[in-house]
Amino acid sequence: MELHESVLISLLSYAIRAEHPAFNEVNNISWDRLFEEAAAHQVHTLLYPLIADLGEDSIPAPLLSKWKQETKSAAARQLQHVEQVNTIIKVFHNNSISVIALKGLVLRNYYPKPELRTMGDGDLLIHKANMKKAKKLLQKMGYRLKENTPRHFCFSHKYFPLLEMHQCLSEKEIQCIYPDLTTAVLKRSERIEIKGMDASIFTLSIEDMFLHLLLHFAGHLMSEGIGLRSVCDIVLFLEKEGLKLDMGYLQDKLLTCRLTHLAATLVRLCEKYFSLKLPCIFPGAVEDSDVDLLMEDILDAGVYGRKTMNRDISGSLLKYYSSCNHEKHNTLTLKHKALFYFPCSKWLHSRYWYAKKFPLLLPVAWIHRGLRNCFRLKSLYLYKEAAIISQNRALLINRLKLR
C-alpha cells in the first residue's frame, strides 16, 4: 500500500465519523495523488469537510478550489436525486405499488452529511407482479428503459440519475442457486425516515440490509470489483446497527448464501483499517493475509472496478474464466472474451475520438484498432497484465470461499 492510499484510508476513517486527525498525519504526501485516488472511489466528497478545515496552508489552493467545486456540484445533484426519488415513491404509493428503498438511499442516513455520500443511481425493490405498472408510470414521468436483466430494470432520464427497479435481491435466486430470499425480506420490511424525503419509506430489516450489502459486495467483487465507498457504508452500518442484529437469523442466511467467510473477513478489514470496534459477532478463522489481499483489491478497483483499463479488462477475463468451467455457458464465454477485443468507447484511445463522439462509428474504430495492432505487440502485453490481475483476483475469490 502506497503512502497516499494509507493516508486516504486514515482520513476517511475520521471523515465518515465527523472527526479530525492529528496534523502530522497529513504531512509529506502528494495531495494531487490523494485527490485522484479519492475521486476514483467516489469518496472525495466525503473527505471535503475535513480537507477544508486543514486550509490552504496544507493543501495547494487550486486543488482545494477544485475539490470544493466538485463537492458542491455533487451535493446539489444528490439533493435533486433524492427529491426525485421521493416523488417517484409517492407516485407508486398513490397507485398501490409497495416499494422498498435499497442501498445508498438508506445508507446515506448514517453519514454526518448525507448529501456528500454520492449515488450513481437510485435502487428500489418492488414485487415483480407490480413491475409492469411501475414501468408505465416511470415512462409517463419521462424515464425510458435502458436495460433489463432477470434481477432488475434500469431506467434513464434526461435530467436525473439512473433508476434501478429490482424485483429480487440476487440473480442467484433466479438461477436457483439461492432460495427465494426476496419474498422473505419483503415480509420483514420496516418503515424508516430518510433525510430529504417526506414520502412513506420502507426498507429492509437491519439483518436483511446487511445480507443485501454482502450480496452486493460479493457480486461486484466477483466481476469488476468494488471500492472504498462500499467499505465506508459497512463501517457506519455496523457501528450503528451491529449490536442490534439478530445473529441467529443472519448467520443462517449467510450460511445459505455462502457468505460467512466474506462477512468475517470484511468485518476484520473494517476493524484493521477503519478502527471499527465491534464484539466478535462474526466468528470464524480469518487469515491476516486474506484481509490484506482484500484491501489491496478494493484499492485497485475504484468505485466499481473500473479504475484502470487493465482492471476493467480483468473483470471481463474473470467472467470468462468462470464461464469456462460451465459448458452450458458457451455464449457467455464468447461474450466476455470478445470484450477485450471489442472495448466500449470510453476505453478506446483518444486517437479513436470519432467513436467517442459518434457511437455509430464504434465498429469502424474496432477495425481501425485491430489493423493498427496487427503491427504492434502492445495489446498483447496489455492482455498479459490484465490476465495476471484476473488470476490474482480469482485466487482471492477462492480464498473468500465465494466460489
Protein backbone atom coordinates (compact mmCIF):
# COMPACT_ATOMS: atom_id res chain seq x y z
CA MET A 1 0.00 0.00 0.00
CA GLU A 2 1.37 3.39 -1.02
CA LEU A 3 1.57 6.37 1.32
CA HIS A 4 -1.27 8.33 -0.31
CA GLU A 5 -3.50 5.24 -0.06
CA SER A 6 -2.83 4.67 3.63
CA VAL A 7 -3.37 8.38 4.38
CA LEU A 8 -6.61 8.31 2.38
CA ILE A 9 -7.94 5.40 4.46
CA SER A 10 -6.92 7.15 7.67
CA LEU A 11 -8.59 10.42 6.66
CA LEU A 12 -11.73 8.59 5.52
CA SER A 13 -11.94 6.87 8.88
CA TYR A 14 -12.06 10.30 10.53
CA ALA A 15 -14.28 11.98 7.92
CA ILE A 16 -17.14 9.46 7.97
CA ARG A 17 -17.35 9.99 11.75
CA ALA A 18 -17.04 13.80 11.56
CA GLU A 19 -13.75 13.62 13.47
CA HIS A 20 -10.42 15.29 12.76
CA PRO A 21 -6.91 13.83 12.51
CA ALA A 22 -3.73 15.00 14.15
CA PHE A 23 -1.98 17.43 11.83
CA ASN A 24 1.16 15.28 11.48
CA GLU A 25 -0.85 12.53 9.75
CA VAL A 26 -1.13 14.56 6.57
CA ASN A 27 2.45 15.78 6.21
CA ASN A 28 4.67 14.86 3.27
CA ILE A 29 2.02 13.44 0.96
CA SER A 30 1.01 14.23 -2.60
CA TRP A 31 -2.39 15.88 -2.33
CA ASP A 32 -2.94 15.52 -6.06
CA ARG A 33 -2.47 11.75 -5.87
CA LEU A 34 -4.68 11.53 -2.80
CA PHE A 35 -7.44 13.50 -4.53
CA GLU A 36 -7.23 11.33 -7.67
CA GLU A 37 -7.43 8.18 -5.56
CA ALA A 38 -10.37 9.52 -3.54
CA ALA A 39 -12.20 10.58 -6.71
CA ALA A 40 -11.62 7.14 -8.26
CA HIS A 41 -13.50 5.67 -5.28
CA GLN A 42 -16.11 8.47 -5.21
CA VAL A 43 -15.23 9.36 -1.62
CA HIS A 44 -13.60 12.74 -2.29
CA THR A 45 -16.87 14.48 -1.38
CA LEU A 46 -16.93 12.69 1.99
CA LEU A 47 -13.42 13.98 2.67
CA TYR A 48 -14.02 17.60 1.72
CA PRO A 49 -15.28 18.97 5.10
CA LEU A 50 -12.17 17.58 6.77
CA ILE A 51 -9.92 18.81 3.96
CA ALA A 52 -11.45 22.30 4.08
CA ASP A 53 -10.62 22.54 7.78
CA LEU A 54 -6.95 21.87 7.06
CA GLY A 55 -6.87 25.04 4.96
CA GLU A 56 -4.66 26.37 2.21
CA ASP A 57 -1.53 26.14 4.37
CA SER A 58 -1.63 22.37 3.93
CA ILE A 59 -3.28 21.91 0.53
CA PRO A 60 -2.48 23.74 -2.74
CA ALA A 61 -5.10 26.44 -3.31
CA PRO A 62 -6.01 25.37 -6.90
CA LEU A 63 -6.66 21.80 -5.75
CA LEU A 64 -8.68 22.96 -2.76
CA SER A 65 -10.80 25.16 -5.03
CA LYS A 66 -11.38 22.29 -7.46
CA TRP A 67 -12.24 19.95 -4.57
CA LYS A 68 -14.74 22.47 -3.19
CA GLN A 69 -16.43 22.98 -6.55
CA GLU A 70 -16.77 19.26 -7.26
CA THR A 71 -18.18 18.66 -3.79
CA LYS A 72 -20.75 21.45 -4.10
CA SER A 73 -21.83 20.20 -7.52
CA ALA A 74 -22.08 16.60 -6.33
CA ALA A 75 -24.07 17.59 -3.23
CA ALA A 76 -26.53 19.60 -5.35
CA ARG A 77 -27.01 16.61 -7.69
CA GLN A 78 -27.57 14.27 -4.76
CA LEU A 79 -30.20 16.53 -3.19
CA GLN A 80 -32.01 16.75 -6.52
CA HIS A 81 -31.72 12.97 -6.95
CA VAL A 82 -33.22 12.25 -3.52
CA GLU A 83 -36.06 14.71 -4.15
CA GLN A 84 -36.84 12.96 -7.45
CA VAL A 85 -36.85 9.50 -5.85
CA ASN A 86 -39.15 10.90 -3.17
CA THR A 87 -41.56 11.97 -5.92
CA ILE A 88 -41.39 8.55 -7.58
CA ILE A 89 -42.16 6.76 -4.33
CA LYS A 90 -45.20 8.99 -3.78
CA VAL A 91 -46.46 8.22 -7.30
CA PHE A 92 -46.02 4.49 -6.66
CA HIS A 93 -47.86 4.69 -3.34
CA ASN A 94 -50.72 6.61 -4.97
CA ASN A 95 -51.00 3.75 -7.46
CA SER A 96 -50.94 1.00 -4.81
CA ILE A 97 -47.36 -0.12 -5.52
CA SER A 98 -45.38 -1.05 -2.41
CA VAL A 99 -41.75 -0.05 -2.72
CA ILE A 100 -38.62 -0.62 -0.62
CA ALA A 101 -35.59 1.69 -0.69
CA LEU A 102 -32.22 -0.03 -1.03
CA LYS A 103 -28.50 0.66 -0.67
CA GLY A 104 -27.38 4.29 -0.93
CA LEU A 105 -30.83 5.77 -0.43
CA VAL A 106 -30.82 4.28 3.07
CA LEU A 107 -27.10 4.14 3.85
CA ARG A 108 -26.69 7.90 3.35
CA ASN A 109 -28.62 8.31 6.62
CA TYR A 110 -25.60 7.02 8.53
CA TYR A 111 -23.28 9.79 7.29
CA PRO A 112 -22.72 13.13 9.06
CA LYS A 113 -23.60 14.96 5.81
CA PRO A 114 -25.83 12.59 3.80
CA GLU A 115 -25.66 14.69 0.62
CA LEU A 116 -21.90 14.02 0.44
CA ARG A 117 -22.43 10.25 0.15
CA THR A 118 -22.78 10.11 -3.63
CA MET A 119 -25.05 7.70 -5.51
CA GLY A 120 -24.73 6.88 -9.17
CA ASP A 121 -28.33 5.70 -9.28
CA GLY A 122 -31.36 5.03 -7.11
CA ASP A 123 -32.26 1.46 -6.13
CA LEU A 124 -35.81 0.43 -5.34
CA LEU A 125 -37.25 -3.04 -4.73
CA ILE A 126 -40.81 -3.84 -5.75
CA HIS A 127 -42.74 -7.06 -6.17
CA LYS A 128 -42.35 -8.44 -9.69
CA ALA A 129 -46.15 -8.50 -10.09
CA ASN A 130 -46.08 -4.67 -9.95
CA MET A 131 -43.21 -4.18 -12.39
CA LYS A 132 -45.38 -3.70 -15.49
CA LYS A 133 -47.45 -0.98 -13.80
CA ALA A 134 -44.28 0.67 -12.42
CA LYS A 135 -42.70 0.80 -15.88
CA LYS A 136 -45.72 2.58 -17.32
CA LEU A 137 -45.71 5.15 -14.51
CA LEU A 138 -41.99 5.82 -14.97
CA GLN A 139 -42.41 6.28 -18.70
CA LYS A 140 -45.09 8.90 -18.02
CA MET A 141 -42.53 10.71 -15.84
CA GLY A 142 -40.01 10.87 -18.68
CA TYR A 143 -37.98 7.74 -17.97
CA ARG A 144 -37.04 5.22 -20.63
CA LEU A 145 -35.93 1.64 -20.22
CA LYS A 146 -32.17 1.49 -20.71
CA GLU A 147 -31.53 -2.18 -19.95
CA ASN A 148 -33.07 -5.08 -18.14
CA THR A 149 -31.73 -8.23 -16.52
CA PRO A 150 -33.53 -11.02 -14.69
CA ARG A 151 -32.75 -9.12 -11.46
CA HIS A 152 -33.64 -5.53 -12.29
CA PHE A 153 -34.82 -2.95 -14.83
CA CYS A 154 -32.65 0.14 -15.34
CA PHE A 155 -34.30 3.42 -16.38
CA SER A 156 -32.62 6.60 -17.59
CA HIS A 157 -33.91 10.17 -17.59
CA LYS A 158 -32.78 13.29 -19.40
CA TYR A 159 -32.31 15.26 -16.19
CA PHE A 160 -31.95 12.76 -13.35
CA PRO A 161 -29.61 9.88 -12.44
CA LEU A 162 -30.40 6.28 -13.35
CA LEU A 163 -33.12 4.42 -11.50
CA GLU A 164 -32.86 0.67 -10.91
CA MET A 165 -36.06 -1.21 -10.18
CA HIS A 166 -35.17 -4.53 -8.54
CA GLN A 167 -37.51 -7.49 -8.44
CA CYS A 168 -35.13 -9.73 -6.48
CA LEU A 169 -32.04 -9.30 -4.30
CA SER A 170 -29.77 -11.62 -6.27
CA GLU A 171 -29.74 -13.21 -9.71
CA LYS A 172 -28.72 -16.43 -7.97
CA GLU A 173 -32.30 -16.68 -6.74
CA ILE A 174 -33.42 -16.85 -10.36
CA GLN A 175 -30.70 -19.39 -11.15
CA CYS A 176 -31.98 -21.48 -8.19
CA ILE A 177 -28.56 -21.31 -6.52
CA TYR A 178 -30.07 -19.37 -3.61
CA PRO A 179 -33.54 -19.90 -2.12
CA ASP A 180 -36.22 -17.24 -2.57
CA LEU A 181 -34.73 -14.54 -0.35
CA THR A 182 -36.82 -11.71 -1.72
CA THR A 183 -40.23 -12.96 -0.62
CA ALA A 184 -38.95 -13.43 2.93
CA VAL A 185 -37.31 -10.00 3.20
CA LEU A 186 -40.36 -8.23 1.78
CA LYS A 187 -42.39 -9.59 4.71
CA ARG A 188 -39.76 -8.28 7.18
CA SER A 189 -39.53 -4.74 5.76
CA GLU A 190 -39.59 -1.79 8.17
CA ARG A 191 -40.76 1.83 7.91
CA ILE A 192 -37.99 4.41 8.26
CA GLU A 193 -37.37 8.13 7.83
CA ILE A 194 -34.85 9.22 5.22
CA LYS A 195 -33.33 12.67 5.35
CA GLY A 196 -34.63 14.74 2.45
CA MET A 197 -37.73 12.59 1.92
CA ASP A 198 -41.25 13.01 3.24
CA ALA A 199 -42.78 10.02 1.46
CA SER A 200 -43.68 6.91 3.44
CA ILE A 201 -40.49 4.85 3.08
CA PHE A 202 -39.90 1.19 3.79
CA THR A 203 -36.57 -0.57 3.76
CA LEU A 204 -35.13 -3.95 4.66
CA SER A 205 -34.76 -5.06 8.25
CA ILE A 206 -31.23 -4.46 9.52
CA GLU A 207 -30.39 -8.17 9.17
CA ASP A 208 -31.66 -8.28 5.59
CA MET A 209 -29.96 -4.97 4.84
CA PHE A 210 -26.59 -6.36 5.91
CA LEU A 211 -27.26 -9.52 3.91
CA HIS A 212 -28.02 -7.39 0.86
CA LEU A 213 -24.85 -5.33 1.41
CA LEU A 214 -22.84 -8.54 1.37
CA LEU A 215 -24.66 -9.90 -1.69
CA HIS A 216 -23.96 -6.62 -3.47
CA PHE A 217 -20.32 -6.59 -2.31
CA ALA A 218 -19.75 -10.21 -3.36
CA GLY A 219 -21.42 -9.69 -6.74
CA HIS A 220 -19.15 -6.78 -7.64
CA LEU A 221 -16.08 -8.45 -6.15
CA MET A 222 -16.61 -11.49 -8.37
CA SER A 223 -16.90 -9.34 -11.50
CA GLU A 224 -15.24 -5.94 -11.85
CA GLY A 225 -14.57 -5.25 -8.16
CA ILE A 226 -15.75 -2.80 -5.52
CA GLY A 227 -14.21 0.25 -3.89
CA LEU A 228 -13.80 2.15 -0.63
CA ARG A 229 -17.25 3.79 -0.65
CA SER A 230 -18.90 0.43 0.00
CA VAL A 231 -16.48 -0.26 2.84
CA CYS A 232 -17.41 3.09 4.42
CA ASP A 233 -21.08 2.07 4.19
CA ILE A 234 -20.39 -1.18 6.03
CA VAL A 235 -18.30 0.52 8.74
CA LEU A 236 -21.02 3.05 9.57
CA PHE A 237 -23.80 0.46 9.32
CA LEU A 238 -22.07 -1.91 11.76
CA GLU A 239 -21.22 0.90 14.20
CA LYS A 240 -24.87 1.92 14.30
CA GLU A 241 -26.66 -1.44 13.97
CA GLY A 242 -24.12 -4.19 14.69
CA LEU A 243 -25.16 -4.91 18.27
CA LYS A 244 -28.87 -4.94 17.32
CA LEU A 245 -28.53 -7.71 14.71
CA ASP A 246 -30.38 -10.97 15.23
CA MET A 247 -27.30 -13.12 14.73
CA GLY A 248 -29.20 -16.41 14.70
CA TYR A 249 -31.30 -15.32 11.73
CA LEU A 250 -28.37 -13.60 10.00
CA GLN A 251 -25.89 -16.47 10.41
CA ASP A 252 -28.44 -18.84 8.90
CA LYS A 253 -28.86 -16.59 5.85
CA LEU A 254 -25.10 -16.08 5.48
CA LEU A 255 -24.55 -19.82 5.56
CA THR A 256 -27.28 -20.40 2.97
CA CYS A 257 -25.75 -17.79 0.64
CA ARG A 258 -22.17 -18.93 1.31
CA LEU A 259 -21.18 -15.51 2.61
CA THR A 260 -19.99 -16.48 6.10
CA HIS A 261 -16.27 -16.19 5.38
CA LEU A 262 -16.67 -12.98 3.40
CA ALA A 263 -18.63 -11.42 6.28
CA ALA A 264 -15.95 -12.35 8.83
CA THR A 265 -13.11 -11.17 6.58
CA LEU A 266 -14.84 -7.88 5.77
CA VAL A 267 -15.50 -7.15 9.44
CA ARG A 268 -11.82 -7.82 10.24
CA LEU A 269 -10.87 -5.45 7.43
CA CYS A 270 -13.09 -2.72 8.89
CA GLU A 271 -11.50 -3.28 12.30
CA LYS A 272 -7.94 -3.20 10.98
CA TYR A 273 -8.15 -0.30 8.55
CA PHE A 274 -11.11 1.76 9.79
CA SER A 275 -10.84 1.28 13.57
CA LEU A 276 -14.24 -0.42 13.81
CA LYS A 277 -14.80 -1.59 17.37
CA LEU A 278 -17.30 -4.42 17.46
CA PRO A 279 -17.58 -7.51 19.69
CA CYS A 280 -16.84 -10.77 17.91
CA ILE A 281 -20.31 -11.29 16.47
CA PHE A 282 -18.93 -12.76 13.23
CA PRO A 283 -16.79 -15.63 14.46
CA GLY A 284 -14.52 -17.58 12.17
CA ALA A 285 -10.83 -18.08 11.45
CA VAL A 286 -9.66 -15.26 9.19
CA GLU A 287 -6.10 -15.04 7.89
CA ASP A 288 -4.47 -11.60 8.07
CA SER A 289 -3.16 -12.22 4.56
CA ASP A 290 -6.74 -12.57 3.29
CA VAL A 291 -7.69 -9.26 4.90
CA ASP A 292 -4.73 -7.53 3.26
CA LEU A 293 -5.38 -9.14 -0.12
CA LEU A 294 -8.98 -7.96 0.01
CA MET A 295 -7.92 -4.41 0.86
CA GLU A 296 -5.40 -4.41 -2.00
CA ASP A 297 -8.14 -5.50 -4.39
CA ILE A 298 -10.50 -2.81 -3.09
CA LEU A 299 -7.87 -0.10 -3.54
CA ASP A 300 -7.06 -1.35 -7.03
CA ALA A 301 -10.72 -1.42 -8.05
CA GLY A 302 -12.01 2.13 -7.76
CA VAL A 303 -15.70 2.71 -7.16
CA TYR A 304 -16.88 -0.30 -9.19
CA GLY A 305 -13.76 -1.92 -10.57
CA ARG A 306 -13.08 0.41 -13.48
CA LYS A 307 -10.22 2.44 -12.06
CA THR A 308 -7.90 1.46 -14.95
CA MET A 309 -8.36 -0.19 -18.31
CA ASN A 310 -6.41 -3.27 -17.18
CA ARG A 311 -8.69 -3.58 -14.20
CA ASP A 312 -11.78 -3.34 -16.39
CA ILE A 313 -10.40 -5.97 -18.76
CA SER A 314 -9.54 -8.26 -15.83
CA GLY A 315 -13.20 -8.24 -14.81
CA SER A 316 -14.19 -9.48 -18.26
CA LEU A 317 -11.47 -12.13 -18.17
CA LEU A 318 -12.59 -13.25 -14.71
CA LYS A 319 -16.12 -13.78 -16.02
CA TYR A 320 -14.65 -15.59 -19.00
CA TYR A 321 -12.56 -17.95 -16.84
CA SER A 322 -15.58 -18.61 -14.64
CA SER A 323 -17.80 -19.38 -17.60
CA CYS A 324 -15.19 -21.76 -19.00
CA ASN A 325 -15.94 -24.05 -16.06
CA HIS A 326 -19.53 -24.49 -17.22
CA GLU A 327 -20.09 -25.90 -20.70
CA LYS A 328 -23.64 -24.57 -20.81
CA HIS A 329 -22.30 -21.00 -20.70
CA ASN A 330 -20.59 -21.08 -24.11
CA THR A 331 -22.38 -17.92 -25.25
CA LEU A 332 -21.31 -16.08 -22.09
CA THR A 333 -17.73 -17.29 -22.62
CA LEU A 334 -17.58 -15.82 -26.10
CA LYS A 335 -19.18 -12.59 -24.90
CA HIS A 336 -16.58 -11.87 -22.23
CA LYS A 337 -13.67 -12.96 -24.40
CA ALA A 338 -14.89 -10.51 -27.05
CA LEU A 339 -14.94 -7.63 -24.56
CA PHE A 340 -11.15 -7.48 -24.66
CA TYR A 341 -11.01 -7.25 -28.41
CA PHE A 342 -14.07 -5.01 -28.76
CA PRO A 343 -13.92 -2.49 -25.87
CA CYS A 344 -16.55 0.13 -25.14
CA SER A 345 -15.86 3.62 -26.46
CA LYS A 346 -14.73 5.08 -23.12
CA TRP A 347 -11.72 2.72 -23.01
CA LEU A 348 -10.63 3.49 -26.55
CA HIS A 349 -7.54 5.62 -27.06
CA SER A 350 -8.08 9.27 -27.90
CA ARG A 351 -6.98 8.53 -31.47
CA TYR A 352 -10.40 6.92 -31.89
CA TRP A 353 -12.13 10.14 -30.88
CA TYR A 354 -14.67 9.76 -33.65
CA ALA A 355 -16.17 6.68 -31.95
CA LYS A 356 -16.46 8.59 -28.68
CA LYS A 357 -18.27 11.45 -30.39
CA PHE A 358 -20.34 9.34 -32.79
CA PRO A 359 -21.24 5.96 -31.19
CA LEU A 360 -22.38 4.53 -34.53
CA LEU A 361 -18.74 4.63 -35.65
CA LEU A 362 -17.62 2.27 -32.87
CA PRO A 363 -17.35 -0.74 -35.27
CA VAL A 364 -15.11 1.38 -37.52
CA ALA A 365 -12.90 2.11 -34.51
CA TRP A 366 -12.66 -1.61 -33.70
CA ILE A 367 -11.47 -2.34 -37.25
CA HIS A 368 -9.06 0.61 -37.10
CA ARG A 369 -7.72 -0.60 -33.74
CA GLY A 370 -7.42 -4.20 -34.94
CA LEU A 371 -5.47 -3.27 -38.07
CA ARG A 372 -3.19 -0.99 -36.10
CA ASN A 373 -2.46 -3.67 -33.51
CA CYS A 374 -1.59 -6.17 -36.21
CA PHE A 375 1.67 -4.26 -36.45
CA ARG A 376 2.17 -3.72 -32.75
CA LEU A 377 2.58 -6.03 -29.75
CA LYS A 378 1.46 -3.56 -27.11
CA SER A 379 -2.03 -5.01 -26.93
CA LEU A 380 -0.58 -8.46 -26.19
CA TYR A 381 1.32 -7.09 -23.18
CA LEU A 382 -1.84 -5.33 -22.03
CA TYR A 383 -3.75 -8.58 -22.25
CA LYS A 384 -1.00 -10.37 -20.32
CA GLU A 385 -1.08 -7.82 -17.46
CA ALA A 386 -4.86 -7.96 -17.26
CA ALA A 387 -4.69 -11.77 -17.25
CA ILE A 388 -2.32 -11.70 -14.25
CA ILE A 389 -4.67 -9.36 -12.38
CA SER A 390 -7.65 -11.62 -13.10
CA GLN A 391 -5.74 -14.71 -11.91
CA ASN A 392 -4.84 -12.98 -8.63
CA ARG A 393 -8.43 -11.94 -8.18
CA ALA A 394 -9.65 -15.48 -8.87
CA LEU A 395 -7.33 -16.64 -6.07
CA LEU A 396 -8.81 -14.05 -3.69
CA ILE A 397 -12.36 -15.10 -4.56
CA ASN A 398 -11.47 -18.72 -3.83
CA ARG A 399 -9.86 -17.78 -0.52
CA LEU A 400 -13.03 -15.93 0.46
CA LYS A 401 -14.98 -19.11 -0.38
CA LEU A 402 -17.23 -17.32 -2.84
CA ARG A 403 -16.81 -19.97 -5.50
